[in-house]
Amino acid sequence: MDITAEIARMKKEPGFAQNVGMILVHNGVVRAWSRSDHKEVTDIEVHPDRDRIEALRVEYEARPGIWKIVVEAVAGHLKPGDDLLFIIVAGDIRENVKPVLAELLDRIKAEAVTKSETKV
């Protein structure tokens, strides 16, 4: 995902200026070490559940103050440094937008993405 292009596209949509005072972005990348034991990771295989991600996106987009959420999860064989997960949350004020990004990210990672790491 080209984050800059996606935000520019959102800004052209009707209702943007009337509903958005904050945009938060998550750009997750593949780490070169495992979260569980800090061993070196050479590559990962990622399998996002796109239906579950969409259901979560719709659920969180209905929250008060949230205007739009865009999610893109990369699938397949990835190397450290590769983009893995993009989330853009646009809404009215930080008290509404910040918790939505945090909760949605945690739920996508817990409920909708499986991955296996190759460690050295």
Protein backbone atom coordinates (compact mmCIF):
# COMPACT_ATOMS: atom_id res chain seq x y z
CA MET A 1 0.00 0.00 0.00
CA ASP A 2 1.17 3.49 -0.78
CA ILE A 3 0.10 5.19 2.45
CA THR A 4 0.52 8.71 1.08
CA ALA A 5 -1.59 7.91 -1.99
CA GLU A 6 -4.27 6.21 0.11
CA ILE A 7 -4.56 9.22 2.44
CA ALA A 8 -4.68 11.58 -0.56
CA ARG A 9 -7.52 9.46 -2.00
CA MET A 10 -9.41 9.59 1.31
CA LYS A 11 -9.07 13.38 1.46
CA LYS A 12 -10.90 13.67 -1.88
CA GLU A 13 -13.92 11.70 -0.64
CA PRO A 14 -17.12 13.56 0.25
CA GLY A 15 -17.39 14.16 3.98
CA PHE A 16 -13.68 13.98 4.74
CA ALA A 17 -13.22 17.58 5.91
CA GLN A 18 -16.45 17.50 7.92
CA ASN A 19 -15.57 14.28 9.77
CA VAL A 20 -11.80 13.95 10.08
CA GLY A 21 -9.47 15.70 12.48
CA MET A 22 -6.97 12.86 12.86
CA ILE A 23 -5.53 10.04 10.78
CA LEU A 24 -3.44 7.33 12.42
CA VAL A 25 -1.40 4.83 10.44
CA HIS A 26 0.08 1.48 11.37
CA ASN A 27 2.72 0.06 9.01
CA GLY A 28 3.81 -3.29 10.42
CA VAL A 29 6.99 -4.80 9.02
CA VAL A 30 8.63 -8.19 9.39
CA ARG A 31 11.19 -8.16 12.23
CA ALA A 32 14.58 -9.84 11.90
CA TRP A 33 14.07 -11.48 15.31
CA SER A 34 11.34 -13.53 16.93
CA ARG A 35 9.13 -11.90 19.53
CA SER A 36 8.99 -15.14 21.54
CA ASP A 37 12.70 -15.84 21.99
CA HIS A 38 14.59 -13.08 20.13
CA LYS A 39 16.23 -15.60 17.78
CA GLU A 40 17.11 -14.42 14.29
CA VAL A 41 14.29 -14.76 11.74
CA THR A 42 15.25 -15.28 8.09
CA ASP A 43 11.72 -15.30 6.67
CA ILE A 44 8.07 -15.83 7.54
CA GLU A 45 4.99 -17.30 5.90
CA VAL A 46 1.86 -15.22 6.53
CA HIS A 47 -1.79 -16.18 6.08
CA PRO A 48 -4.35 -13.43 6.73
CA ASP A 49 -8.03 -14.34 7.12
CA ARG A 50 -9.41 -11.60 4.87
CA ASP A 51 -13.05 -12.26 5.79
CA ARG A 52 -12.28 -11.88 9.50
CA ILE A 53 -10.22 -8.75 8.85
CA GLU A 54 -13.12 -7.23 6.92
CA ALA A 55 -15.57 -8.09 9.70
CA LEU A 56 -13.29 -6.42 12.26
CA ARG A 57 -12.81 -3.38 10.00
CA VAL A 58 -16.58 -2.95 9.67
CA GLU A 59 -17.08 -3.41 13.43
CA TYR A 60 -14.53 -0.74 14.33
CA GLU A 61 -15.57 1.64 11.56
CA ALA A 62 -18.98 1.81 13.26
CA ARG A 63 -17.45 3.19 16.46
CA PRO A 64 -18.31 6.78 17.45
CA GLY A 65 -16.18 9.36 15.67
CA ILE A 66 -14.65 6.96 13.17
CA TRP A 67 -15.13 8.03 9.55
CA LYS A 68 -13.15 5.39 7.66
CA ILE A 69 -10.77 2.48 8.19
CA VAL A 70 -8.57 0.93 5.53
CA VAL A 71 -6.74 -2.36 6.16
CA GLU A 72 -4.33 -4.23 3.91
CA ALA A 73 -2.71 -7.45 5.07
CA VAL A 74 0.06 -8.97 2.98
CA ALA A 75 0.04 -12.73 2.42
CA GLY A 76 2.77 -15.16 1.49
CA HIS A 77 6.49 -15.56 1.95
CA LEU A 78 8.14 -12.44 3.43
CA LYS A 79 11.61 -11.37 4.56
CA PRO A 80 12.68 -9.05 7.40
CA GLY A 81 11.95 -5.48 6.45
CA ASP A 82 9.00 -6.37 4.20
CA ASP A 83 5.68 -4.63 4.81
CA LEU A 84 3.23 -6.91 6.59
CA LEU A 85 0.13 -5.01 7.71
CA PHE A 86 -1.25 -1.55 6.99
CA ILE A 87 -4.07 0.05 8.96
CA ILE A 88 -5.34 3.59 8.42
CA VAL A 89 -7.94 4.98 10.85
CA ALA A 90 -9.50 8.37 10.10
CA GLY A 91 -11.82 10.01 12.58
CA ASP A 92 -12.84 13.09 14.45
CA ILE A 93 -10.70 13.39 17.61
CA ARG A 94 -7.78 11.53 19.18
CA GLU A 95 -9.88 10.18 22.06
CA ASN A 96 -11.89 8.23 19.47
CA VAL A 97 -9.19 7.40 16.93
CA LYS A 98 -6.28 6.23 19.13
CA PRO A 99 -8.09 3.42 20.94
CA VAL A 100 -9.67 2.15 17.72
CA LEU A 101 -6.29 1.77 16.01
CA ALA A 102 -4.82 0.01 19.06
CA GLU A 103 -7.76 -2.36 19.59
CA LEU A 104 -8.20 -3.16 15.89
CA LEU A 105 -4.48 -3.91 15.48
CA ASP A 106 -4.48 -6.24 18.49
CA ARG A 107 -7.58 -8.08 17.31
CA ILE A 108 -6.35 -8.50 13.73
CA LYS A 109 -3.06 -9.93 15.00
CA ALA A 110 -4.83 -12.24 17.49
CA GLU A 111 -7.83 -13.32 15.42
CA ALA A 112 -7.08 -12.93 11.73
CA VAL A 113 -3.40 -13.49 10.94
CA THR A 114 -1.35 -16.64 11.27
CA LYS A 115 2.34 -16.78 10.56
CA SER A 116 5.23 -19.17 10.83
CA GLU A 117 8.81 -18.00 11.25
CA THR A 118 12.01 -19.58 9.98
CA LYS A 119 14.64 -19.07 12.67
CA VAL A 120 18.41 -19.49 12.60
